[in-house]
């Protein structure tokens, strides 16, 4: 399940990390730069995630397993620079 997140201007989704649910967001900039989102509208961002969600979730899981720190109260955010 994924959804546009206006608070972080991106798309929110969840992954499992060490048996726990982890909230994640991929930013509009990352979706535009790396997944061909055409603009930053809700529809454009959700469409780009729909087409590339499996890869995006795999990247998020890999980053989380690499020990990148995140605050459980806030989502784990994937920025464009994380994908370079």
Protein backbone atom coordinates (compact mmCIF):
# COMPACT_ATOMS: atom_id res chain seq x y z
CA UNK A 1 0.00 0.00 0.00
CA UNK A 2 1.27 3.46 -0.83
CA UNK A 3 -0.14 6.97 -0.84
CA UNK A 4 0.82 10.53 -1.59
CA UNK A 5 2.15 12.26 1.52
CA UNK A 6 1.79 16.07 1.32
CA UNK A 7 3.68 16.56 4.60
CA UNK A 8 6.87 15.24 2.98
CA UNK A 9 5.99 15.96 -0.68
CA UNK A 10 6.41 12.37 -1.74
CA UNK A 11 4.90 8.91 -1.57
CA UNK A 12 4.59 6.99 1.70
CA UNK A 13 4.88 3.22 1.96
CA UNK A 14 5.83 0.58 4.52
CA UNK A 15 8.53 -2.07 4.64
CA UNK A 16 9.49 -4.70 7.21
CA UNK A 17 12.84 -4.24 8.95
CA UNK A 18 13.90 -6.88 11.44
CA UNK A 19 10.28 -7.91 11.85
CA UNK A 20 9.02 -4.38 12.50
CA UNK A 21 6.97 -2.15 10.21
CA UNK A 22 8.94 0.87 9.05
CA UNK A 23 7.22 3.91 7.55
CA UNK A 24 9.05 5.26 4.51
CA UNK A 25 8.73 8.16 2.09
CA UNK A 26 10.35 8.64 -1.27
CA UNK A 27 10.49 12.31 -2.18
CA UNK A 28 8.98 13.90 -5.27
CA UNK A 29 12.48 14.91 -6.37
CA UNK A 30 13.69 11.29 -6.18
CA UNK A 31 10.68 10.09 -8.16
CA UNK A 32 11.23 12.79 -10.79
CA UNK A 33 14.99 12.33 -11.06
CA UNK A 34 15.11 8.53 -11.05
CA UNK A 35 11.65 7.18 -11.92
CA UNK A 36 10.38 9.62 -14.55
CA UNK A 37 7.55 11.16 -12.51
CA UNK A 38 6.14 13.93 -14.66
CA UNK A 39 5.76 16.73 -12.14
CA UNK A 40 4.99 16.69 -8.46
CA UNK A 41 1.23 16.21 -8.52
CA UNK A 42 -0.30 13.46 -6.40
CA UNK A 43 -1.23 11.55 -9.54
CA UNK A 44 2.22 11.82 -11.16
CA UNK A 45 4.04 10.70 -8.01
CA UNK A 46 1.68 7.81 -7.27
CA UNK A 47 1.90 6.68 -10.90
CA UNK A 48 5.72 6.65 -10.79
CA UNK A 49 5.61 4.68 -7.54
CA UNK A 50 3.06 2.24 -8.94
CA UNK A 51 5.37 1.48 -11.85
CA UNK A 52 8.55 1.23 -9.73
CA UNK A 53 7.37 0.38 -6.22
CA UNK A 54 8.99 -3.04 -6.04
CA UNK A 55 12.41 -1.60 -6.86
CA UNK A 56 11.90 1.37 -4.52
CA UNK A 57 10.90 -0.91 -1.63
CA UNK A 58 13.93 -3.15 -2.28
CA UNK A 59 16.20 -0.09 -2.13
CA UNK A 60 14.54 1.06 1.12
CA UNK A 61 14.99 -2.38 2.66
CA UNK A 62 18.63 -2.47 1.59
CA UNK A 63 19.29 0.97 3.07
CA UNK A 64 17.58 0.01 6.33
CA UNK A 65 19.59 -3.19 6.60
CA UNK A 66 22.80 -1.23 6.03
CA UNK A 67 22.18 0.35 9.41
CA UNK A 68 21.15 3.81 8.28
CA UNK A 69 19.76 5.53 11.37
CA UNK A 70 16.14 6.60 11.48
CA UNK A 71 13.78 7.82 14.16
CA UNK A 72 10.87 5.40 14.72
CA UNK A 73 8.57 8.39 15.21
CA UNK A 74 9.35 9.77 11.75
CA UNK A 75 9.34 8.03 8.38
CA UNK A 76 12.54 6.82 6.77
CA UNK A 77 13.00 9.23 3.85
CA UNK A 78 14.63 8.39 0.52
CA UNK A 79 16.04 11.47 -1.18
CA UNK A 80 17.23 11.78 -4.76
CA UNK A 81 20.86 11.88 -3.57
CA UNK A 82 20.40 8.45 -1.94
CA UNK A 83 19.80 6.98 -5.38
CA UNK A 84 22.81 8.51 -7.17
